[in-house]
Protein backbone atom coordinates (compact mmCIF):
# COMPACT_ATOMS: atom_id res chain seq x y z
CA UNK A 1 109.24 104.07 72.76
CA UNK A 2 108.11 106.86 74.37
CA UNK A 3 108.42 110.44 72.97
CA UNK A 4 109.40 111.70 76.85
CA UNK A 5 113.36 111.64 76.95
CA UNK A 6 114.67 109.54 80.02
CA UNK A 7 116.53 112.59 81.73
CA UNK A 8 112.97 114.41 81.38
CA UNK A 9 111.22 111.33 82.85
CA UNK A 10 113.59 110.84 85.60
CA UNK A 11 113.08 114.21 86.77
CA UNK A 12 109.50 113.79 86.69
CA UNK A 13 108.98 110.61 88.19
CA UNK A 14 112.05 110.70 90.78
CA UNK A 15 112.09 114.36 91.82
CA UNK A 16 113.96 113.22 94.74
CA UNK A 17 116.33 111.15 93.15
CA UNK A 18 115.00 107.99 94.58
CA UNK A 19 111.65 106.38 93.07
CA UNK A 20 109.69 106.16 96.04
CA UNK A 21 107.03 103.21 95.11
CA UNK A 22 104.01 102.41 97.28
CA UNK A 23 103.52 98.37 97.91
CA UNK A 24 100.02 97.41 99.03
CA UNK A 25 100.60 94.03 100.72
CA UNK A 26 96.64 93.98 101.26
CA UNK A 27 96.38 92.54 98.13
CA UNK A 28 98.14 89.11 97.64
CA UNK A 29 97.72 88.62 94.28
CA UNK A 30 100.51 92.14 93.93
CA UNK A 31 102.20 91.91 96.86
CA UNK A 32 103.21 89.62 99.72
CA UNK A 33 105.24 89.89 103.10
CA UNK A 34 106.95 87.09 104.34
CA UNK A 35 105.57 86.91 107.89
CA UNK A 36 108.98 85.06 109.07
CA UNK A 37 111.45 87.47 107.32
CA UNK A 38 109.37 90.52 106.46
CA UNK A 39 110.60 90.13 103.05
CA UNK A 40 108.12 91.63 100.40
CA UNK A 41 107.97 90.16 96.67
CA UNK A 42 104.78 90.03 94.15
CA UNK A 43 104.26 91.62 90.73
CA UNK A 44 104.22 95.05 91.65
CA UNK A 45 107.83 94.85 93.65
CA UNK A 46 109.02 93.30 90.45
CA UNK A 47 107.82 96.20 88.37
CA UNK A 48 108.88 98.85 90.63
CA UNK A 49 112.11 97.25 90.42
CA UNK A 50 112.08 97.24 86.45
CA UNK A 51 111.05 100.87 86.87
CA UNK A 52 113.49 102.49 88.68
CA UNK A 53 115.92 100.23 86.62
CA UNK A 54 114.93 101.63 83.36
CA UNK A 55 114.94 105.13 85.16
CA UNK A 56 118.72 104.22 86.36
CA UNK A 57 117.86 105.62 89.93
CA UNK A 58 117.43 104.02 93.69
CA UNK A 59 114.17 102.33 94.65
CA UNK A 60 112.33 102.71 98.22
CA UNK A 61 109.64 100.76 98.65
CA UNK A 62 106.32 102.49 100.77
CA UNK A 63 105.21 99.13 102.21
CA UNK A 64 101.59 99.29 103.24
CA UNK A 65 98.55 97.60 104.22
CA UNK A 66 95.38 98.84 102.60
CA UNK A 67 95.03 100.53 99.20
CA UNK A 68 93.42 103.54 100.57
CA UNK A 69 96.41 103.81 102.58
CA UNK A 70 98.62 103.37 99.36
CA UNK A 71 96.72 106.12 97.74
CA UNK A 72 96.66 108.87 100.36
CA UNK A 73 100.37 108.19 100.08
CA UNK A 74 100.85 109.11 96.62
CA UNK A 75 98.19 111.96 96.41
CA UNK A 76 99.95 113.59 99.86
CA UNK A 77 103.38 113.40 98.54
CA UNK A 78 105.14 110.60 100.14
CA UNK A 79 105.32 108.14 97.39
CA UNK A 80 105.47 109.01 93.49
CA UNK A 81 104.21 105.96 92.42
CA UNK A 82 101.63 103.11 93.51
CA UNK A 83 99.88 100.36 92.17
CA UNK A 84 96.15 100.95 92.19
CA UNK A 85 92.79 100.01 90.69
CA UNK A 86 91.76 102.48 88.44
CA UNK A 87 88.66 104.48 89.55
CA UNK A 88 87.19 107.47 88.75
CA UNK A 89 87.10 108.73 92.26
CA UNK A 90 91.18 108.38 92.39
CA UNK A 91 91.68 110.15 89.26
CA UNK A 92 91.19 113.63 90.43
CA UNK A 93 94.55 113.44 92.02
CA UNK A 94 96.23 110.18 90.47
CA UNK A 95 96.78 109.92 86.34
CA UNK A 96 96.36 106.09 85.46
CA UNK A 97 98.06 104.02 82.97
CA UNK A 98 95.95 101.27 81.23
CA UNK A 99 95.71 98.28 83.39
CA UNK A 100 98.22 95.35 83.50
CA UNK A 101 95.95 93.13 84.83
CA UNK A 102 92.41 92.23 85.20
CA UNK A 103 90.93 91.14 88.48
CA UNK A 104 87.56 90.08 89.68
CA UNK A 105 85.25 91.19 92.70
CA UNK A 106 83.05 88.54 94.21
CA UNK A 107 80.68 88.11 96.90
CA UNK A 108 80.68 85.16 99.59
CA UNK A 109 78.36 84.17 101.84
CA UNK A 110 77.58 81.41 104.63
CA UNK A 111 76.40 77.97 102.94
CA UNK A 112 73.07 78.02 104.73
CA UNK A 113 72.22 81.98 103.85
CA UNK A 114 69.24 82.91 100.94
CA UNK A 115 71.86 84.47 98.76
CA UNK A 116 72.28 82.78 95.39
CA UNK A 117 72.86 85.31 93.09
CA UNK A 118 73.43 88.98 92.59
CA UNK A 119 70.13 90.45 92.56
CA UNK A 120 69.73 88.91 95.76
CA UNK A 121 72.42 91.24 97.41
CA UNK A 122 71.57 94.80 97.02
CA UNK A 123 68.08 94.33 99.21
CA UNK A 124 66.85 96.54 102.12
CA UNK A 125 68.17 94.89 105.59
CA UNK A 126 71.61 93.08 103.70
CA UNK A 127 74.47 93.83 105.48
CA UNK A 128 77.76 94.01 103.35
CA UNK A 129 81.05 94.03 104.15
CA UNK A 130 83.57 95.46 102.45
CA UNK A 131 87.42 96.59 102.58
CA UNK A 132 87.90 99.92 103.58
CA UNK A 133 88.77 102.38 100.62
CA UNK A 134 89.46 99.31 98.38
CA UNK A 135 88.28 99.25 94.65
CA UNK A 136 85.24 97.46 95.26
CA UNK A 137 84.27 99.65 97.95
CA UNK A 138 84.70 102.53 95.70
CA UNK A 139 82.70 100.80 93.07
CA UNK A 140 79.69 99.48 95.54
CA UNK A 141 79.21 102.62 96.95
CA UNK A 142 78.19 103.97 93.89
CA UNK A 143 76.26 100.67 92.99
CA UNK A 144 74.43 99.61 95.69
CA UNK A 145 71.16 101.40 96.29
CA UNK A 146 69.17 99.46 99.08
CA UNK A 147 72.00 97.25 101.03
CA UNK A 148 73.94 98.98 103.84
CA UNK A 149 77.77 98.65 103.30
CA UNK A 150 80.04 97.70 106.44
CA UNK A 151 83.92 98.69 106.06
CA UNK A 152 86.30 96.29 107.36
CA UNK A 153 89.92 98.24 108.15
CA UNK A 154 91.74 96.59 105.24
CA UNK A 155 90.93 93.88 102.39
CA UNK A 156 92.38 90.82 103.96
CA UNK A 157 90.21 91.22 107.05
CA UNK A 158 86.89 91.56 105.19
CA UNK A 159 86.31 87.94 105.79
CA UNK A 160 86.99 87.97 109.36
CA UNK A 161 85.11 91.22 109.83
CA UNK A 162 81.70 89.83 108.08
CA UNK A 163 82.33 86.83 110.33
CA UNK A 164 82.44 88.60 113.71
CA UNK A 165 79.93 91.39 112.51
CA UNK A 166 77.45 88.38 111.56
CA UNK A 167 76.96 89.99 108.12
CA UNK A 168 75.07 88.83 105.36
CA UNK A 169 77.53 89.25 102.42
CA UNK A 170 81.41 89.70 102.01
CA UNK A 171 83.02 91.29 98.93
CA UNK A 172 86.43 91.10 97.79
CA UNK A 173 89.02 89.48 95.57
CA UNK A 174 88.21 86.17 94.21
CA UNK A 175 91.50 84.61 94.94
CA UNK A 176 91.45 86.19 98.73
CA UNK A 177 87.98 84.72 99.22
CA UNK A 178 88.73 81.38 97.98
CA UNK A 179 91.66 81.45 100.36
CA UNK A 180 89.13 82.41 103.27
CA UNK A 181 86.42 80.42 102.42
CA UNK A 182 89.26 77.45 102.95
CA UNK A 183 90.21 78.93 105.98
CA UNK A 184 87.41 79.04 107.67
CA UNK A 185 84.96 76.78 106.10
CA UNK A 186 81.03 77.00 105.76
CA UNK A 187 81.05 79.65 103.28
CA UNK A 188 80.74 79.55 99.54
CA UNK A 189 81.03 82.49 96.74
CA UNK A 190 78.06 83.60 94.39
CA UNK A 191 78.10 81.99 91.21
CA UNK A 192 79.27 84.94 88.99
CA UNK A 193 81.72 88.20 89.33
CA UNK A 194 79.92 91.45 90.73
CA UNK A 195 82.74 93.25 88.88
CA UNK A 196 86.43 93.36 86.81
CA UNK A 197 89.17 95.65 88.88
CA UNK A 198 91.30 96.94 86.42
CA UNK A 199 94.75 97.22 87.97
CA UNK A 200 97.28 99.73 87.03
CA UNK A 201 99.94 102.05 88.00
CA UNK A 202 99.03 105.07 89.30
CA UNK A 203 101.33 108.71 89.55
CA UNK A 204 100.33 111.62 91.27
CA UNK A 205 98.85 114.37 88.79
CA UNK A 206 101.50 117.26 90.31
CA UNK A 207 104.22 115.08 88.78
CA UNK A 208 103.40 116.11 85.64
CA UNK A 209 102.47 115.08 81.67
CA UNK A 210 105.89 113.40 81.16
CA UNK A 211 105.57 111.47 84.06
CA UNK A 212 102.11 110.38 82.91
CA UNK A 213 103.31 109.78 79.50
CA UNK A 214 106.34 107.82 80.50
CA UNK A 215 105.23 105.25 83.07
CA UNK A 216 101.97 104.59 80.68
CA UNK A 217 104.64 103.66 77.94
CA UNK A 218 106.68 101.78 80.66
CA UNK A 219 103.38 99.71 81.65
CA UNK A 220 102.57 98.74 77.65
CA UNK A 221 106.18 97.90 77.10
CA UNK A 222 105.76 95.34 80.14
CA UNK A 223 102.62 93.71 78.91
CA UNK A 224 103.95 93.25 75.50
CA UNK A 225 106.99 91.76 75.83
CA UNK A 226 105.41 89.34 78.35
CA UNK A 227 106.89 90.58 81.53
CA UNK A 228 103.43 90.72 83.49
CA UNK A 229 102.50 87.44 82.46
CA UNK A 230 106.41 86.16 83.50
CA UNK A 231 105.87 87.65 86.91
CA UNK A 232 102.29 85.99 87.40
CA UNK A 233 103.62 82.72 86.63
CA UNK A 234 106.55 83.24 88.79
CA UNK A 235 104.40 83.86 91.87
CA UNK A 236 102.39 81.35 91.04
CA UNK A 237 99.13 83.86 90.90
CA UNK A 238 96.14 82.47 88.72
CA UNK A 239 92.83 83.35 87.98
CA UNK A 240 93.37 87.15 86.33
CA UNK A 241 94.08 88.26 83.26
CA UNK A 242 97.15 89.99 81.71
CA UNK A 243 95.34 93.19 80.37
CA UNK A 244 95.79 93.41 76.44
CA UNK A 245 98.74 95.95 75.27
CA UNK A 246 98.08 99.26 72.87
CA UNK A 247 101.45 98.19 71.70
CA UNK A 248 101.13 96.29 68.10
CA UNK A 249 104.16 94.30 67.24
CA UNK A 250 105.22 95.63 63.39
CA UNK A 251 105.62 92.61 61.32
CA UNK A 252 109.44 92.22 60.36
CA UNK A 253 110.33 92.65 56.54
């Protein structure tokens, strides 16, 4: 268990008396919104509810369409916690837990293109479409040296934007790209990932060390107790890996 008292953690993580959590429905691995009912469900929703129950406070879900907006909401004090990919560009104002799931970033191209492996992408003249302020946008902005990065408004619109603008390559989360390839047709993924996205929980650093410590402990307990794996199975999410827990179970005597 954490060394932070529950009452201290409650005051730090939910200073208004309600835990305000951002939910990014732009990442279908973590959360989706039902088009007919408006209901939001997914791994991140379940974790937010578990944390609120643990703290014994009400929960408010701040539903947003992109990772960039979710990050900004926590940074600007509109929410207390969120579900983000760990990234050094975000770490100045947000304290991250260790990851709870590992997601892969891949490239997609047209069937008849001359792009066949990762080395083909970062070349002068290549136009690469990414989701604005996504984890892979931040990563590729640091890594890409020759290709031109172009940004779609959100991650779910990357392939649509890539097709509309006649770009050469699109980047995204593997599951979303596979779904888009099936929807649009005439597309193929390159044969290997370009990055592993470490999906974590985060809290604004302004909430203090107690909030950071308790949130990190919460994520480790959720992993070690199998709650992450259960949620992924419940929502039929495949192709992701539950990150290893730092908690080592003691053998029973």
